[in-house]
Amino acid sequence: MILECPTHTLRETSGFVLETKRLTLRQPTLADIEAIAGIVSDKRVSINLRRVPHPYSVDDARDFINSTADSAETVFLIEAANKAIGLVGLSWETEGVPELGYCFGVDHWGKGYATEAARAAIDFAFEEFAIERMTSGARVLNPASRHVLEKCGFNWTGVELHRFVALGSSTPVDCFKLERSVWSSIRNWSNSTRSA
């Protein structure tokens, strides 16, 4: 079913569990705050996320969980072998055009998890919402994230300056978009499934 308005909130998508070959994506809960803080508190992670401070504490993780429950954000905790390894989500700051974001604990970089989780979130977005495109971005100094987006079919649209809280300044970001037509042509990329 495709919804005309992208109004799923974390609460409304709480029944969704996305599964890929190696990963389970589910709603984060307050029981996950220590795991989330452990992932995001690493400066190598936080400096690549626009809206998080560094240092990132358990209180910051609690605030994040509580704030996403009442917002237009769709957030999934990513687990591999029942262990939290990252987060992926859709931000709806621009009406009708979600922005994909993700982060992983450093120990889980370079294993293909980001591509696998991003594809599951992309499939979810295009299958659930009447959207024609989605956006994402990666710091210019983060070629691995840029590569993930390119493998998912995103096309580069330019460079913009974005403020990063952990850096306390603005930094160049490669901007990308993924059109529904492109996604439709490559959507059989994985065996991801969803269970309610």
N, C-alpha and C. Protein backbone atom coordinates (compact mmCIF):
# COMPACT_ATOMS: atom_id res chain seq x y z
N MET A 1 0.83 -1.16 0.00
CA MET A 1 0.00 0.00 0.00
C MET A 1 0.89 1.24 0.00
N ILE A 2 0.61 2.17 -0.86
CA ILE A 2 1.36 3.42 -0.92
C ILE A 2 0.51 4.51 -0.30
N LEU A 3 1.09 5.23 0.63
CA LEU A 3 0.39 6.32 1.29
C LEU A 3 0.64 7.61 0.53
N GLU A 4 -0.40 8.41 0.40
CA GLU A 4 -0.27 9.68 -0.31
C GLU A 4 0.58 10.67 0.46
N CYS A 5 0.46 10.70 1.76
CA CYS A 5 1.22 11.63 2.58
C CYS A 5 2.19 10.86 3.46
N PRO A 6 3.44 11.26 3.47
CA PRO A 6 4.42 10.57 4.30
C PRO A 6 4.26 10.94 5.77
N THR A 7 3.32 10.27 6.44
CA THR A 7 3.02 10.64 7.81
C THR A 7 3.37 9.55 8.81
N HIS A 8 4.02 8.47 8.37
CA HIS A 8 4.43 7.47 9.35
C HIS A 8 5.38 8.10 10.34
N THR A 9 5.11 7.91 11.60
CA THR A 9 6.05 8.32 12.63
C THR A 9 6.66 7.06 13.19
N LEU A 10 7.62 7.22 14.09
CA LEU A 10 8.26 6.07 14.70
C LEU A 10 7.22 5.17 15.34
N ARG A 11 6.23 5.76 16.02
CA ARG A 11 5.20 4.96 16.66
C ARG A 11 4.42 4.15 15.63
N GLU A 12 4.08 4.78 14.52
CA GLU A 12 3.27 4.11 13.51
C GLU A 12 4.05 3.03 12.78
N THR A 13 5.36 3.16 12.67
CA THR A 13 6.15 2.15 11.99
C THR A 13 6.73 1.13 12.97
N SER A 14 6.33 1.23 14.24
CA SER A 14 6.92 0.36 15.25
C SER A 14 6.66 -1.10 14.98
N GLY A 15 5.58 -1.43 14.27
CA GLY A 15 5.31 -2.82 13.95
C GLY A 15 6.15 -3.35 12.82
N PHE A 16 6.82 -2.47 12.11
CA PHE A 16 7.62 -2.90 10.98
C PHE A 16 8.98 -3.40 11.44
N VAL A 17 9.32 -4.54 10.94
CA VAL A 17 10.68 -5.06 11.10
C VAL A 17 11.15 -5.36 9.69
N LEU A 18 12.27 -4.78 9.31
CA LEU A 18 12.85 -5.03 8.01
C LEU A 18 13.96 -6.05 8.19
N GLU A 19 13.98 -7.05 7.33
CA GLU A 19 15.02 -8.07 7.41
C GLU A 19 15.73 -8.18 6.09
N THR A 20 17.04 -8.29 6.16
CA THR A 20 17.87 -8.53 4.99
C THR A 20 18.59 -9.85 5.21
N LYS A 21 19.48 -10.16 4.33
CA LYS A 21 20.22 -11.43 4.46
C LYS A 21 20.95 -11.53 5.80
N ARG A 22 21.54 -10.42 6.26
CA ARG A 22 22.34 -10.46 7.48
C ARG A 22 21.83 -9.56 8.60
N LEU A 23 20.87 -8.71 8.32
CA LEU A 23 20.49 -7.67 9.27
C LEU A 23 19.01 -7.69 9.61
N THR A 24 18.71 -7.19 10.80
CA THR A 24 17.34 -6.92 11.22
C THR A 24 17.27 -5.44 11.56
N LEU A 25 16.30 -4.76 11.01
CA LEU A 25 16.08 -3.34 11.27
C LEU A 25 14.77 -3.21 12.01
N ARG A 26 14.82 -2.64 13.21
CA ARG A 26 13.62 -2.53 14.04
C ARG A 26 13.61 -1.19 14.76
N GLN A 27 12.47 -0.89 15.36
CA GLN A 27 12.33 0.36 16.12
C GLN A 27 13.28 0.34 17.31
N PRO A 28 14.04 1.43 17.49
CA PRO A 28 14.85 1.51 18.71
C PRO A 28 13.97 1.82 19.91
N THR A 29 14.35 1.31 21.06
CA THR A 29 13.61 1.55 22.29
C THR A 29 14.57 2.12 23.34
N LEU A 30 14.01 2.51 24.46
CA LEU A 30 14.85 3.02 25.54
C LEU A 30 15.84 1.97 26.04
N ALA A 31 15.55 0.70 25.84
CA ALA A 31 16.50 -0.35 26.22
C ALA A 31 17.76 -0.32 25.35
N ASP A 32 17.71 0.41 24.24
CA ASP A 32 18.84 0.47 23.31
C ASP A 32 19.74 1.68 23.52
N ILE A 33 19.46 2.52 24.51
CA ILE A 33 20.19 3.78 24.61
C ILE A 33 21.69 3.59 24.83
N GLU A 34 22.09 2.60 25.60
CA GLU A 34 23.53 2.39 25.81
C GLU A 34 24.21 1.95 24.52
N ALA A 35 23.55 1.08 23.77
CA ALA A 35 24.12 0.63 22.50
C ALA A 35 24.23 1.79 21.52
N ILE A 36 23.18 2.62 21.44
CA ILE A 36 23.20 3.78 20.54
C ILE A 36 24.30 4.75 20.95
N ALA A 37 24.38 5.03 22.25
CA ALA A 37 25.44 5.93 22.73
C ALA A 37 26.82 5.36 22.43
N GLY A 38 26.97 4.05 22.55
CA GLY A 38 28.25 3.42 22.24
C GLY A 38 28.66 3.59 20.79
N ILE A 39 27.68 3.54 19.89
CA ILE A 39 27.95 3.70 18.46
C ILE A 39 28.28 5.15 18.14
N VAL A 40 27.41 6.07 18.56
CA VAL A 40 27.50 7.46 18.14
C VAL A 40 28.56 8.24 18.92
N SER A 41 28.94 7.77 20.10
CA SER A 41 29.91 8.52 20.90
C SER A 41 31.32 8.48 20.32
N ASP A 42 31.60 7.55 19.44
CA ASP A 42 32.91 7.51 18.79
C ASP A 42 33.02 8.72 17.87
N LYS A 43 34.04 9.52 18.07
CA LYS A 43 34.18 10.77 17.30
C LYS A 43 34.23 10.50 15.80
N ARG A 44 34.77 9.35 15.39
CA ARG A 44 34.83 9.02 13.96
C ARG A 44 33.44 8.86 13.36
N VAL A 45 32.45 8.54 14.20
CA VAL A 45 31.06 8.45 13.77
C VAL A 45 30.39 9.82 13.87
N SER A 46 30.49 10.45 15.03
CA SER A 46 29.73 11.68 15.27
C SER A 46 30.12 12.82 14.33
N ILE A 47 31.37 12.89 13.91
CA ILE A 47 31.75 13.99 13.01
C ILE A 47 31.17 13.85 11.61
N ASN A 48 30.58 12.70 11.33
CA ASN A 48 29.94 12.49 10.03
C ASN A 48 28.42 12.60 10.09
N LEU A 49 27.90 12.98 11.25
CA LEU A 49 26.46 13.14 11.43
C LEU A 49 26.16 14.60 11.72
N ARG A 50 25.24 15.18 10.97
CA ARG A 50 25.00 16.62 11.09
C ARG A 50 24.44 17.05 12.43
N ARG A 51 23.53 16.28 13.00
CA ARG A 51 22.76 16.78 14.13
C ARG A 51 23.18 16.27 15.51
N VAL A 52 24.30 15.59 15.62
CA VAL A 52 24.68 15.05 16.93
C VAL A 52 25.90 15.77 17.49
N PRO A 53 25.92 15.92 18.81
CA PRO A 53 27.08 16.55 19.45
C PRO A 53 28.20 15.54 19.67
N HIS A 54 29.35 16.06 19.97
CA HIS A 54 30.43 15.23 20.47
C HIS A 54 31.05 15.94 21.65
N PRO A 55 31.15 15.31 22.79
CA PRO A 55 30.83 13.90 23.03
C PRO A 55 29.31 13.64 23.02
N TYR A 56 28.95 12.39 22.77
CA TYR A 56 27.55 11.95 22.70
C TYR A 56 27.33 11.01 23.87
N SER A 57 26.37 11.34 24.71
CA SER A 57 26.17 10.60 25.96
C SER A 57 24.93 9.71 25.93
N VAL A 58 24.76 8.93 26.98
CA VAL A 58 23.56 8.13 27.15
C VAL A 58 22.34 9.04 27.23
N ASP A 59 22.48 10.20 27.86
CA ASP A 59 21.37 11.16 27.90
C ASP A 59 21.00 11.65 26.51
N ASP A 60 22.02 11.87 25.66
CA ASP A 60 21.75 12.27 24.27
C ASP A 60 20.99 11.17 23.54
N ALA A 61 21.37 9.92 23.77
CA ALA A 61 20.69 8.79 23.13
C ALA A 61 19.24 8.69 23.61
N ARG A 62 19.02 8.89 24.90
CA ARG A 62 17.66 8.88 25.46
C ARG A 62 16.82 9.99 24.82
N ASP A 63 17.40 11.19 24.74
CA ASP A 63 16.69 12.30 24.11
C ASP A 63 16.36 12.01 22.65
N PHE A 64 17.30 11.36 21.95
CA PHE A 64 17.08 11.00 20.56
C PHE A 64 15.89 10.05 20.43
N ILE A 65 15.87 9.00 21.24
CA ILE A 65 14.77 8.03 21.17
C ILE A 65 13.45 8.72 21.47
N ASN A 66 13.41 9.52 22.51
CA ASN A 66 12.17 10.22 22.88
C ASN A 66 11.73 11.21 21.80
N SER A 67 12.67 11.91 21.19
CA SER A 67 12.29 12.91 20.19
C SER A 67 11.80 12.26 18.90
N THR A 68 12.37 11.14 18.52
CA THR A 68 11.93 10.50 17.28
C THR A 68 10.56 9.87 17.42
N ALA A 69 10.18 9.53 18.65
CA ALA A 69 8.87 8.93 18.86
C ALA A 69 7.73 9.88 18.52
N ASP A 70 7.99 11.19 18.61
CA ASP A 70 6.94 12.17 18.35
C ASP A 70 7.22 13.01 17.11
N SER A 71 8.12 12.57 16.26
CA SER A 71 8.47 13.37 15.08
C SER A 71 8.09 12.64 13.81
N ALA A 72 8.37 13.26 12.70
CA ALA A 72 8.10 12.66 11.40
C ALA A 72 9.25 11.76 10.95
N GLU A 73 10.21 11.54 11.81
CA GLU A 73 11.35 10.69 11.47
C GLU A 73 10.94 9.22 11.51
N THR A 74 11.50 8.46 10.62
CA THR A 74 11.35 7.01 10.64
C THR A 74 12.74 6.46 10.91
N VAL A 75 12.91 5.81 12.06
CA VAL A 75 14.23 5.37 12.49
C VAL A 75 14.22 3.88 12.77
N PHE A 76 15.27 3.20 12.33
CA PHE A 76 15.45 1.78 12.60
C PHE A 76 16.81 1.56 13.25
N LEU A 77 16.82 0.74 14.30
CA LEU A 77 18.06 0.24 14.87
C LEU A 77 18.48 -0.95 14.03
N ILE A 78 19.75 -1.03 13.68
CA ILE A 78 20.25 -2.12 12.83
C ILE A 78 20.96 -3.14 13.72
N GLU A 79 20.54 -4.40 13.60
CA GLU A 79 21.17 -5.47 14.37
C GLU A 79 21.74 -6.52 13.43
N ALA A 80 22.90 -7.03 13.82
CA ALA A 80 23.51 -8.20 13.16
C ALA A 80 23.76 -9.21 14.26
N ALA A 81 23.27 -10.42 14.08
CA ALA A 81 23.41 -11.46 15.10
C ALA A 81 22.93 -10.95 16.46
N ASN A 82 21.78 -10.27 16.47
CA ASN A 82 21.15 -9.75 17.68
C ASN A 82 21.98 -8.71 18.44
N LYS A 83 22.91 -8.07 17.76
CA LYS A 83 23.73 -7.02 18.37
C LYS A 83 23.52 -5.73 17.59
N ALA A 84 23.28 -4.63 18.32
CA ALA A 84 23.10 -3.33 17.67
C ALA A 84 24.42 -2.90 17.05
N ILE A 85 24.36 -2.57 15.74
CA ILE A 85 25.57 -2.15 15.04
C ILE A 85 25.43 -0.78 14.39
N GLY A 86 24.20 -0.24 14.33
CA GLY A 86 24.02 1.05 13.69
C GLY A 86 22.57 1.49 13.67
N LEU A 87 22.34 2.57 12.96
CA LEU A 87 21.01 3.15 12.80
C LEU A 87 20.83 3.59 11.35
N VAL A 88 19.60 3.53 10.87
CA VAL A 88 19.26 4.06 9.56
C VAL A 88 17.90 4.72 9.69
N GLY A 89 17.71 5.81 8.98
CA GLY A 89 16.43 6.48 9.10
C GLY A 89 16.10 7.38 7.93
N LEU A 90 14.87 7.84 7.97
CA LEU A 90 14.35 8.77 6.97
C LEU A 90 13.87 10.01 7.69
N SER A 91 14.40 11.13 7.30
CA SER A 91 13.99 12.42 7.86
C SER A 91 13.07 13.09 6.84
N TRP A 92 11.98 13.67 7.32
CA TRP A 92 10.99 14.28 6.45
C TRP A 92 10.99 15.80 6.58
N GLU A 93 12.15 16.40 6.68
CA GLU A 93 12.23 17.86 6.81
C GLU A 93 11.68 18.58 5.59
N THR A 94 11.87 17.99 4.40
CA THR A 94 11.29 18.53 3.18
C THR A 94 10.08 17.69 2.85
N GLU A 95 8.90 18.31 2.83
CA GLU A 95 7.66 17.56 2.63
C GLU A 95 7.70 16.75 1.32
N GLY A 96 7.41 15.47 1.44
CA GLY A 96 7.34 14.59 0.29
C GLY A 96 8.67 14.11 -0.24
N VAL A 97 9.78 14.54 0.38
CA VAL A 97 11.11 14.13 -0.08
C VAL A 97 11.94 13.72 1.14
N PRO A 98 11.89 12.44 1.49
CA PRO A 98 12.66 12.02 2.67
C PRO A 98 14.16 12.05 2.40
N GLU A 99 14.91 12.26 3.49
CA GLU A 99 16.36 12.21 3.40
C GLU A 99 16.84 10.97 4.15
N LEU A 100 17.62 10.16 3.48
CA LEU A 100 18.18 8.95 4.06
C LEU A 100 19.43 9.28 4.85
N GLY A 101 19.53 8.72 6.05
CA GLY A 101 20.73 8.86 6.86
C GLY A 101 21.04 7.56 7.55
N TYR A 102 22.30 7.34 7.87
CA TYR A 102 22.70 6.10 8.53
C TYR A 102 24.03 6.30 9.24
N CYS A 103 24.27 5.45 10.22
CA CYS A 103 25.58 5.42 10.87
C CYS A 103 25.81 4.02 11.43
N PHE A 104 27.07 3.68 11.57
CA PHE A 104 27.46 2.36 12.07
C PHE A 104 28.62 2.50 13.03
N GLY A 105 28.67 1.57 13.98
CA GLY A 105 29.84 1.50 14.85
C GLY A 105 31.07 1.22 14.01
N VAL A 106 32.19 1.79 14.40
CA VAL A 106 33.43 1.68 13.63
C VAL A 106 33.81 0.22 13.36
N ASP A 107 33.56 -0.66 14.32
CA ASP A 107 33.90 -2.08 14.13
C ASP A 107 33.14 -2.73 12.99
N HIS A 108 32.11 -2.06 12.52
CA HIS A 108 31.25 -2.64 11.48
C HIS A 108 31.38 -1.92 10.14
N TRP A 109 32.35 -1.04 10.02
CA TRP A 109 32.62 -0.37 8.75
C TRP A 109 33.28 -1.36 7.79
N GLY A 110 33.03 -1.16 6.50
CA GLY A 110 33.72 -1.93 5.47
C GLY A 110 33.23 -3.36 5.30
N LYS A 111 32.06 -3.68 5.82
CA LYS A 111 31.53 -5.05 5.74
C LYS A 111 30.28 -5.15 4.88
N GLY A 112 29.91 -4.04 4.24
CA GLY A 112 28.72 -4.04 3.39
C GLY A 112 27.42 -3.83 4.13
N TYR A 113 27.47 -3.63 5.44
CA TYR A 113 26.24 -3.45 6.20
C TYR A 113 25.52 -2.16 5.82
N ALA A 114 26.25 -1.10 5.56
CA ALA A 114 25.61 0.18 5.24
C ALA A 114 24.79 0.07 3.95
N THR A 115 25.36 -0.56 2.95
CA THR A 115 24.63 -0.73 1.69
C THR A 115 23.39 -1.59 1.90
N GLU A 116 23.55 -2.67 2.65
CA GLU A 116 22.44 -3.59 2.90
C GLU A 116 21.30 -2.89 3.67
N ALA A 117 21.64 -2.15 4.71
CA ALA A 117 20.63 -1.45 5.50
C ALA A 117 20.00 -0.30 4.71
N ALA A 118 20.82 0.44 3.98
CA ALA A 118 20.30 1.55 3.18
C ALA A 118 19.31 1.04 2.14
N ARG A 119 19.63 -0.06 1.50
CA ARG A 119 18.70 -0.61 0.50
C ARG A 119 17.37 -1.01 1.12
N ALA A 120 17.41 -1.59 2.32
CA ALA A 120 16.17 -1.96 2.99
C ALA A 120 15.34 -0.72 3.32
N ALA A 121 15.99 0.34 3.80
CA ALA A 121 15.27 1.58 4.12
C ALA A 121 14.73 2.25 2.86
N ILE A 122 15.50 2.20 1.79
CA ILE A 122 15.05 2.77 0.51
C ILE A 122 13.82 2.03 0.00
N ASP A 123 13.89 0.71 0.01
CA ASP A 123 12.73 -0.09 -0.41
C ASP A 123 11.51 0.26 0.43
N PHE A 124 11.69 0.34 1.74
CA PHE A 124 10.60 0.70 2.63
C PHE A 124 10.00 2.04 2.22
N ALA A 125 10.83 3.04 2.00
CA ALA A 125 10.34 4.38 1.66
C ALA A 125 9.54 4.39 0.37
N PHE A 126 10.08 3.78 -0.67
CA PHE A 126 9.37 3.81 -1.95
C PHE A 126 8.15 2.90 -1.97
N GLU A 127 8.15 1.84 -1.19
CA GLU A 127 7.00 0.94 -1.14
C GLU A 127 5.87 1.50 -0.28
N GLU A 128 6.20 2.26 0.75
CA GLU A 128 5.19 2.74 1.70
C GLU A 128 4.65 4.12 1.41
N PHE A 129 5.41 4.95 0.69
CA PHE A 129 5.02 6.34 0.52
C PHE A 129 4.95 6.71 -0.96
N ALA A 130 4.05 7.63 -1.27
CA ALA A 130 3.90 8.13 -2.63
C ALA A 130 4.93 9.23 -2.87
N ILE A 131 6.17 8.85 -2.92
CA ILE A 131 7.26 9.81 -3.14
C ILE A 131 7.87 9.53 -4.51
N GLU A 132 8.39 10.56 -5.11
CA GLU A 132 9.04 10.40 -6.41
C GLU A 132 10.55 10.40 -6.31
N ARG A 133 11.07 10.87 -5.17
CA ARG A 133 12.52 10.87 -5.01
C ARG A 133 12.86 10.95 -3.53
N MET A 134 14.09 10.65 -3.23
CA MET A 134 14.62 10.84 -1.89
C MET A 134 16.02 11.40 -2.02
N THR A 135 16.53 11.97 -0.95
CA THR A 135 17.85 12.59 -0.98
C THR A 135 18.73 11.97 0.10
N SER A 136 20.00 12.28 0.00
CA SER A 136 20.96 11.90 1.04
C SER A 136 22.21 12.74 0.83
N GLY A 137 23.13 12.60 1.73
CA GLY A 137 24.38 13.34 1.61
C GLY A 137 25.49 12.65 2.37
N ALA A 138 26.70 13.00 2.04
CA ALA A 138 27.88 12.47 2.72
C ALA A 138 28.94 13.55 2.73
N ARG A 139 29.62 13.67 3.86
CA ARG A 139 30.71 14.64 3.91
C ARG A 139 31.69 14.33 2.78
N VAL A 140 32.22 15.37 2.18
CA VAL A 140 33.20 15.19 1.11
C VAL A 140 34.37 14.33 1.59
N LEU A 141 34.69 14.44 2.88
CA LEU A 141 35.79 13.67 3.46
C LEU A 141 35.38 12.26 3.86
N ASN A 142 34.21 11.80 3.43
CA ASN A 142 33.72 10.46 3.76
C ASN A 142 33.40 9.69 2.47
N PRO A 143 34.43 9.28 1.72
CA PRO A 143 34.18 8.60 0.45
C PRO A 143 33.47 7.25 0.60
N ALA A 144 33.61 6.59 1.74
CA ALA A 144 32.93 5.31 1.93
C ALA A 144 31.42 5.49 1.92
N SER A 145 30.93 6.53 2.58
CA SER A 145 29.49 6.79 2.59
C SER A 145 29.00 7.18 1.20
N ARG A 146 29.80 7.96 0.51
CA ARG A 146 29.45 8.33 -0.87
C ARG A 146 29.33 7.08 -1.74
N HIS A 147 30.24 6.13 -1.55
CA HIS A 147 30.22 4.89 -2.32
C HIS A 147 28.94 4.08 -2.02
N VAL A 148 28.52 4.06 -0.77
CA VAL A 148 27.27 3.38 -0.40
C VAL A 148 26.11 3.97 -1.19
N LEU A 149 26.02 5.29 -1.20
CA LEU A 149 24.91 5.94 -1.91
C LEU A 149 24.95 5.64 -3.40
N GLU A 150 26.12 5.65 -3.99
CA GLU A 150 26.23 5.35 -5.42
C GLU A 150 25.82 3.90 -5.70
N LYS A 151 26.19 2.97 -4.83
CA LYS A 151 25.79 1.56 -5.02
C LYS A 151 24.28 1.39 -4.89
N CYS A 152 23.64 2.29 -4.18
CA CYS A 152 22.18 2.25 -4.00
C CYS A 152 21.44 2.98 -5.11
N GLY A 153 22.15 3.51 -6.08
CA GLY A 153 21.51 4.16 -7.22
C GLY A 153 21.38 5.67 -7.13
N PHE A 154 21.86 6.27 -6.05
CA PHE A 154 21.79 7.73 -5.92
C PHE A 154 22.70 8.40 -6.94
N ASN A 155 22.24 9.53 -7.43
CA ASN A 155 23.02 10.35 -8.36
C ASN A 155 23.48 11.62 -7.65
N TRP A 156 24.73 11.97 -7.88
CA TRP A 156 25.32 13.17 -7.29
C TRP A 156 24.67 14.40 -7.88
N THR A 157 24.31 15.36 -7.01
CA THR A 157 23.66 16.58 -7.48
C THR A 157 24.47 17.84 -7.21
N GLY A 158 25.56 17.71 -6.45
CA GLY A 158 26.38 18.88 -6.17
C GLY A 158 26.93 18.86 -4.76
N VAL A 159 27.60 19.95 -4.42
CA VAL A 159 28.20 20.10 -3.09
C VAL A 159 27.56 21.30 -2.41
N GLU A 160 27.22 21.14 -1.14
CA GLU A 160 26.67 22.23 -0.33
C GLU A 160 27.41 22.27 0.99
N LEU A 161 27.37 23.40 1.65
CA LEU A 161 27.90 23.51 3.00
C LEU A 161 26.79 23.21 3.99
N HIS A 162 27.07 22.31 4.95
CA HIS A 162 26.10 21.98 5.99
C HIS A 162 26.78 22.11 7.35
N ARG A 163 26.01 22.54 8.32
CA ARG A 163 26.52 22.68 9.68
C ARG A 163 26.52 21.31 10.36
N PHE A 164 27.63 20.98 11.01
CA PHE A 164 27.77 19.73 11.77
C PHE A 164 28.00 20.09 13.22
N VAL A 165 27.07 19.69 14.08
CA VAL A 165 27.12 20.06 15.49
C VAL A 165 28.41 19.56 16.14
N ALA A 166 28.80 18.32 15.88
CA ALA A 166 30.01 17.76 16.51
C ALA A 166 31.26 18.52 16.10
N LEU A 167 31.28 19.06 14.90
CA LEU A 167 32.42 19.82 14.43
C LEU A 167 32.37 21.27 14.89
N GLY A 168 31.17 21.74 15.19
CA GLY A 168 31.01 23.14 15.57
C GLY A 168 31.21 24.08 14.40
N SER A 169 31.05 23.58 13.19
CA SER A 169 31.25 24.41 12.00
C SER A 169 30.53 23.79 10.81
N SER A 170 30.61 24.46 9.69
CA SER A 170 30.06 23.95 8.44
C SER A 170 31.16 23.25 7.67
N THR A 171 30.75 22.29 6.87
CA THR A 171 31.70 21.52 6.08
C THR A 171 31.04 21.11 4.76
N PRO A 172 31.82 20.88 3.70
CA PRO A 172 31.23 20.50 2.42
C PRO A 172 30.60 19.10 2.46
N VAL A 173 29.45 19.00 1.84
CA VAL A 173 28.70 17.74 1.77
C VAL A 173 28.36 17.46 0.31
N ASP A 174 28.68 16.24 -0.13
CA ASP A 174 28.22 15.77 -1.44
C ASP A 174 26.74 15.44 -1.30
N CYS A 175 25.91 16.02 -2.16
CA CYS A 175 24.46 15.81 -2.12
C CYS A 175 24.05 14.85 -3.23
N PHE A 176 23.05 14.03 -2.92
CA PHE A 176 22.59 12.99 -3.84
C PHE A 176 21.08 12.94 -3.86
N LYS A 177 20.53 12.40 -4.95
CA LYS A 177 19.10 12.11 -5.02
C LYS A 177 18.92 10.75 -5.69
N LEU A 178 17.82 10.12 -5.33
CA LEU A 178 17.42 8.85 -5.94
C LEU A 178 15.99 9.00 -6.40
N GLU A 179 15.78 8.86 -7.69
CA GLU A 179 14.45 8.97 -8.27
C GLU A 179 13.75 7.61 -8.20
N ARG A 180 12.42 7.64 -8.05
CA ARG A 180 11.64 6.40 -8.02
C ARG A 180 11.89 5.56 -9.27
N SER A 181 12.02 6.20 -10.42
CA SER A 181 12.23 5.45 -11.67
C SER A 181 13.55 4.68 -11.65
N VAL A 182 14.57 5.27 -11.07
CA VAL A 182 15.86 4.57 -10.95
C VAL A 182 15.72 3.42 -9.97
N TRP A 183 15.12 3.70 -8.82
CA TRP A 183 14.91 2.65 -7.83
C TRP A 183 14.12 1.49 -8.43
N SER A 184 13.06 1.79 -9.19
CA SER A 184 12.24 0.74 -9.79
C SER A 184 13.06 -0.16 -10.70
N SER A 185 14.04 0.42 -11.39
CA SER A 185 14.82 -0.39 -12.33
C SER A 185 15.87 -1.25 -11.64
N ILE A 186 16.23 -0.92 -10.38
CA ILE A 186 17.27 -1.70 -9.70
C ILE A 186 16.79 -2.33 -8.40
N ARG A 187 15.52 -2.30 -8.12
CA ARG A 187 14.99 -2.71 -6.82
C ARG A 187 15.15 -4.17 -6.48
N ASN A 188 15.42 -5.01 -7.41
CA ASN A 188 15.61 -6.43 -7.10
C ASN A 188 17.02 -6.72 -6.64
N TRP A 189 17.66 -5.75 -6.00
CA TRP A 189 19.05 -5.85 -5.60
C TRP A 189 19.28 -6.76 -4.41
N SER A 190 18.25 -7.06 -3.66
CA SER A 190 18.48 -7.87 -2.47
C SER A 190 17.24 -8.69 -2.16
N ASN A 191 17.39 -9.51 -1.17
CA ASN A 191 16.28 -10.34 -0.71
C ASN A 191 15.72 -9.80 0.59
N SER A 192 15.59 -8.49 0.71
CA SER A 192 15.07 -7.92 1.95
C SER A 192 13.57 -8.19 2.04
N THR A 193 13.12 -8.44 3.25
CA THR A 193 11.71 -8.69 3.50
C THR A 193 11.28 -7.88 4.69
N ARG A 194 9.98 -7.74 4.83
CA ARG A 194 9.42 -6.99 5.95
C ARG A 194 8.41 -7.89 6.64
N SER A 195 8.42 -7.86 7.95
CA SER A 195 7.42 -8.60 8.70
C SER A 195 6.74 -7.66 9.67
N ALA A 196 5.48 -7.90 9.92
CA ALA A 196 4.72 -7.01 10.83
C ALA A 196 4.63 -7.62 12.19
